[in-house]
């Protein structure tokens, strides 16, 4: 799953830094921040999508939505 990749890379998946547990102490408004509730809900949805999406899913979606069957150049790109 994509979430496993993000965890392995130690990448934050929160939409704002104050939702990341490591960064909480840096915001003096954290206890009175109304928008934080919205950001938390959005962050939960992002995590939900990352937990259920695999690389295979992304590849399949790319194949279905790609308008090009072959690149218009001769270069090969690899990840």
N, C-alpha and C. Protein backbone atom coordinates (compact mmCIF):
# COMPACT_ATOMS: atom_id res chain seq x y z
N UNK A 1 0.83 -1.19 0.00
CA UNK A 1 0.00 0.00 0.00
C UNK A 1 0.87 1.25 0.00
N UNK A 2 0.31 2.34 -0.48
CA UNK A 2 1.05 3.60 -0.55
C UNK A 2 1.42 4.09 0.85
N UNK A 3 0.55 3.85 1.83
CA UNK A 3 0.85 4.26 3.20
C UNK A 3 2.11 3.58 3.71
N UNK A 4 2.31 2.32 3.37
CA UNK A 4 3.52 1.60 3.78
C UNK A 4 4.77 2.27 3.21
N UNK A 5 4.66 2.73 1.98
CA UNK A 5 5.78 3.42 1.34
C UNK A 5 6.07 4.73 2.06
N UNK A 6 5.02 5.46 2.37
CA UNK A 6 5.19 6.74 3.07
C UNK A 6 5.83 6.53 4.44
N UNK A 7 5.39 5.49 5.14
CA UNK A 7 5.98 5.19 6.45
C UNK A 7 7.44 4.79 6.32
N UNK A 8 7.75 3.97 5.32
CA UNK A 8 9.13 3.53 5.11
C UNK A 8 10.04 4.72 4.81
N UNK A 9 9.50 5.69 4.09
CA UNK A 9 10.28 6.89 3.75
C UNK A 9 10.23 7.94 4.87
N UNK A 10 9.46 7.64 5.91
CA UNK A 10 9.29 8.55 7.05
C UNK A 10 8.75 9.91 6.60
N UNK A 11 7.81 9.85 5.67
CA UNK A 11 7.17 11.06 5.15
C UNK A 11 5.87 11.32 5.91
N UNK A 12 5.64 12.55 6.26
CA UNK A 12 4.39 12.93 6.91
C UNK A 12 3.26 12.92 5.88
N UNK A 13 2.10 12.49 6.30
CA UNK A 13 0.94 12.48 5.40
C UNK A 13 -0.16 13.40 5.93
N UNK A 14 0.20 14.26 6.83
CA UNK A 14 -0.77 15.20 7.39
C UNK A 14 -0.80 16.47 6.54
N UNK A 15 -1.99 17.07 6.37
CA UNK A 15 -2.08 18.26 5.52
C UNK A 15 -1.45 19.51 6.13
N UNK A 16 -1.32 19.55 7.45
CA UNK A 16 -0.67 20.67 8.13
C UNK A 16 0.26 20.12 9.21
N UNK A 17 1.33 20.83 9.47
CA UNK A 17 2.36 20.31 10.37
C UNK A 17 1.88 20.09 11.80
N UNK A 18 0.90 20.83 12.25
CA UNK A 18 0.47 20.70 13.65
C UNK A 18 -0.25 19.38 13.93
N UNK A 19 -0.64 18.65 12.90
CA UNK A 19 -1.26 17.35 13.10
C UNK A 19 -0.23 16.24 13.24
N UNK A 20 0.99 16.54 12.87
CA UNK A 20 2.08 15.58 13.03
C UNK A 20 2.53 15.63 14.49
N UNK A 21 2.47 14.52 15.17
CA UNK A 21 2.77 14.49 16.61
C UNK A 21 4.12 15.12 16.96
N UNK A 22 5.08 15.01 16.08
CA UNK A 22 6.40 15.56 16.36
C UNK A 22 6.40 17.08 16.36
N UNK A 23 5.44 17.68 15.68
CA UNK A 23 5.42 19.13 15.51
C UNK A 23 4.44 19.86 16.43
N UNK A 24 3.65 19.13 17.20
CA UNK A 24 2.60 19.76 18.02
C UNK A 24 3.13 20.87 18.92
N UNK A 25 4.26 20.66 19.50
CA UNK A 25 4.78 21.61 20.49
C UNK A 25 5.15 22.96 19.87
N UNK A 26 5.25 23.04 18.56
CA UNK A 26 5.70 24.26 17.90
C UNK A 26 4.59 25.29 17.66
N UNK A 27 3.36 24.92 17.89
CA UNK A 27 2.27 25.86 17.62
C UNK A 27 1.63 26.31 18.94
N UNK A 28 1.66 27.61 19.17
CA UNK A 28 1.09 28.13 20.42
C UNK A 28 -0.43 28.22 20.39
N UNK A 29 -1.04 28.09 19.22
CA UNK A 29 -2.50 28.20 19.07
C UNK A 29 -3.20 26.84 19.03
N UNK A 30 -2.47 25.77 19.23
CA UNK A 30 -3.00 24.43 18.98
C UNK A 30 -4.27 24.12 19.78
N UNK A 31 -4.40 24.63 20.98
CA UNK A 31 -5.58 24.31 21.79
C UNK A 31 -6.82 25.10 21.38
N UNK A 32 -6.65 26.22 20.71
CA UNK A 32 -7.78 27.07 20.32
C UNK A 32 -7.99 27.16 18.81
N UNK A 33 -7.46 26.24 18.07
CA UNK A 33 -7.48 26.33 16.61
C UNK A 33 -8.69 25.58 16.03
N UNK A 34 -9.68 26.34 15.58
CA UNK A 34 -10.87 25.72 14.98
C UNK A 34 -10.58 25.05 13.64
N UNK A 35 -9.81 25.66 12.76
CA UNK A 35 -9.53 25.01 11.47
C UNK A 35 -8.82 23.66 11.62
N UNK A 36 -8.16 23.47 12.75
CA UNK A 36 -7.44 22.21 12.97
C UNK A 36 -8.39 21.01 12.90
N UNK A 37 -9.64 21.19 13.33
CA UNK A 37 -10.63 20.12 13.25
C UNK A 37 -10.88 19.72 11.80
N UNK A 38 -10.98 20.71 10.93
CA UNK A 38 -11.16 20.44 9.50
C UNK A 38 -9.93 19.73 8.94
N UNK A 39 -8.75 20.23 9.29
CA UNK A 39 -7.51 19.62 8.80
C UNK A 39 -7.35 18.19 9.30
N UNK A 40 -7.78 17.93 10.53
CA UNK A 40 -7.69 16.56 11.06
C UNK A 40 -8.60 15.62 10.25
N UNK A 41 -9.81 16.07 9.97
CA UNK A 41 -10.74 15.25 9.19
C UNK A 41 -10.18 14.99 7.79
N UNK A 42 -9.64 16.03 7.18
CA UNK A 42 -9.03 15.88 5.86
C UNK A 42 -7.84 14.92 5.93
N UNK A 43 -7.03 15.04 6.96
CA UNK A 43 -5.88 14.15 7.15
C UNK A 43 -6.31 12.70 7.30
N UNK A 44 -7.41 12.47 8.02
CA UNK A 44 -7.94 11.11 8.17
C UNK A 44 -8.36 10.53 6.83
N UNK A 45 -8.97 11.35 5.99
CA UNK A 45 -9.39 10.88 4.65
C UNK A 45 -8.17 10.57 3.78
N UNK A 46 -7.15 11.40 3.87
CA UNK A 46 -5.91 11.15 3.12
C UNK A 46 -5.31 9.82 3.54
N UNK A 47 -5.22 9.60 4.85
CA UNK A 47 -4.66 8.34 5.36
C UNK A 47 -5.49 7.14 4.90
N UNK A 48 -6.81 7.30 4.92
CA UNK A 48 -7.71 6.23 4.49
C UNK A 48 -7.44 5.84 3.03
N UNK A 49 -7.28 6.83 2.19
CA UNK A 49 -7.00 6.57 0.77
C UNK A 49 -5.64 5.92 0.60
N UNK A 50 -4.63 6.41 1.31
CA UNK A 50 -3.29 5.84 1.20
C UNK A 50 -3.24 4.41 1.72
N UNK A 51 -4.05 4.09 2.73
CA UNK A 51 -4.10 2.74 3.29
C UNK A 51 -4.73 1.73 2.33
N UNK A 52 -5.66 2.19 1.50
CA UNK A 52 -6.35 1.24 0.62
C UNK A 52 -5.83 1.24 -0.81
N UNK A 53 -4.89 2.12 -1.14
CA UNK A 53 -4.38 2.23 -2.50
C UNK A 53 -3.01 1.57 -2.62
N UNK A 54 -2.87 0.73 -3.63
CA UNK A 54 -1.59 0.06 -3.88
C UNK A 54 -0.94 0.64 -5.14
N UNK A 55 0.31 0.30 -5.35
CA UNK A 55 0.99 0.71 -6.58
C UNK A 55 0.28 0.11 -7.79
N UNK A 56 -0.19 -1.10 -7.63
CA UNK A 56 -0.92 -1.76 -8.72
C UNK A 56 -2.19 -0.96 -9.07
N UNK A 57 -2.88 -0.47 -8.05
CA UNK A 57 -4.07 0.36 -8.28
C UNK A 57 -3.72 1.61 -9.09
N UNK A 58 -2.62 2.25 -8.72
CA UNK A 58 -2.19 3.46 -9.44
C UNK A 58 -1.85 3.15 -10.89
N UNK A 59 -1.15 2.04 -11.10
CA UNK A 59 -0.79 1.65 -12.45
C UNK A 59 -2.03 1.37 -13.29
N UNK A 60 -2.98 0.68 -12.71
CA UNK A 60 -4.22 0.36 -13.42
C UNK A 60 -4.99 1.64 -13.77
N UNK A 61 -5.09 2.56 -12.84
CA UNK A 61 -5.78 3.84 -13.11
C UNK A 61 -5.05 4.62 -14.20
N UNK A 62 -3.75 4.57 -14.16
CA UNK A 62 -2.95 5.27 -15.16
C UNK A 62 -3.20 4.69 -16.55
N UNK A 63 -3.25 3.38 -16.62
CA UNK A 63 -3.51 2.72 -17.91
C UNK A 63 -4.88 3.10 -18.46
N UNK A 64 -5.86 3.19 -17.58
CA UNK A 64 -7.23 3.50 -18.01
C UNK A 64 -7.39 4.95 -18.44
N UNK A 65 -6.67 5.85 -17.80
CA UNK A 65 -6.86 7.27 -18.07
C UNK A 65 -5.83 7.87 -19.01
N UNK A 66 -4.80 7.11 -19.32
CA UNK A 66 -3.74 7.65 -20.17
C UNK A 66 -4.26 7.84 -21.59
N UNK A 67 -3.97 9.01 -22.15
CA UNK A 67 -4.39 9.28 -23.52
C UNK A 67 -3.33 8.83 -24.52
N UNK A 68 -2.15 8.54 -24.04
CA UNK A 68 -1.07 8.10 -24.92
C UNK A 68 -0.81 6.61 -24.75
N UNK A 69 -0.86 5.88 -25.82
CA UNK A 69 -0.54 4.46 -25.72
C UNK A 69 0.96 4.25 -25.72
N UNK A 70 1.67 5.11 -26.40
CA UNK A 70 3.13 5.07 -26.42
C UNK A 70 3.65 6.49 -26.32
N UNK A 71 4.80 6.63 -25.67
CA UNK A 71 5.37 7.98 -25.58
C UNK A 71 5.72 8.54 -26.95
N UNK A 72 5.70 9.84 -27.05
CA UNK A 72 6.04 10.50 -28.31
C UNK A 72 7.54 10.74 -28.44
N UNK A 73 8.32 10.07 -27.61
CA UNK A 73 9.78 10.20 -27.65
C UNK A 73 10.40 8.82 -27.50
N UNK A 74 11.68 8.73 -27.68
CA UNK A 74 12.36 7.44 -27.61
C UNK A 74 13.06 7.21 -26.27
N UNK A 75 12.88 8.11 -25.32
CA UNK A 75 13.57 7.99 -24.04
C UNK A 75 12.81 7.04 -23.11
N UNK A 76 13.56 6.33 -22.30
CA UNK A 76 12.98 5.41 -21.33
C UNK A 76 13.20 5.97 -19.94
N UNK A 77 12.13 6.03 -19.15
CA UNK A 77 12.22 6.51 -17.77
C UNK A 77 11.96 5.34 -16.84
N UNK A 78 12.75 5.25 -15.79
CA UNK A 78 12.57 4.19 -14.81
C UNK A 78 12.57 4.77 -13.41
N UNK A 79 11.82 4.12 -12.55
CA UNK A 79 11.80 4.52 -11.14
C UNK A 79 12.44 3.42 -10.34
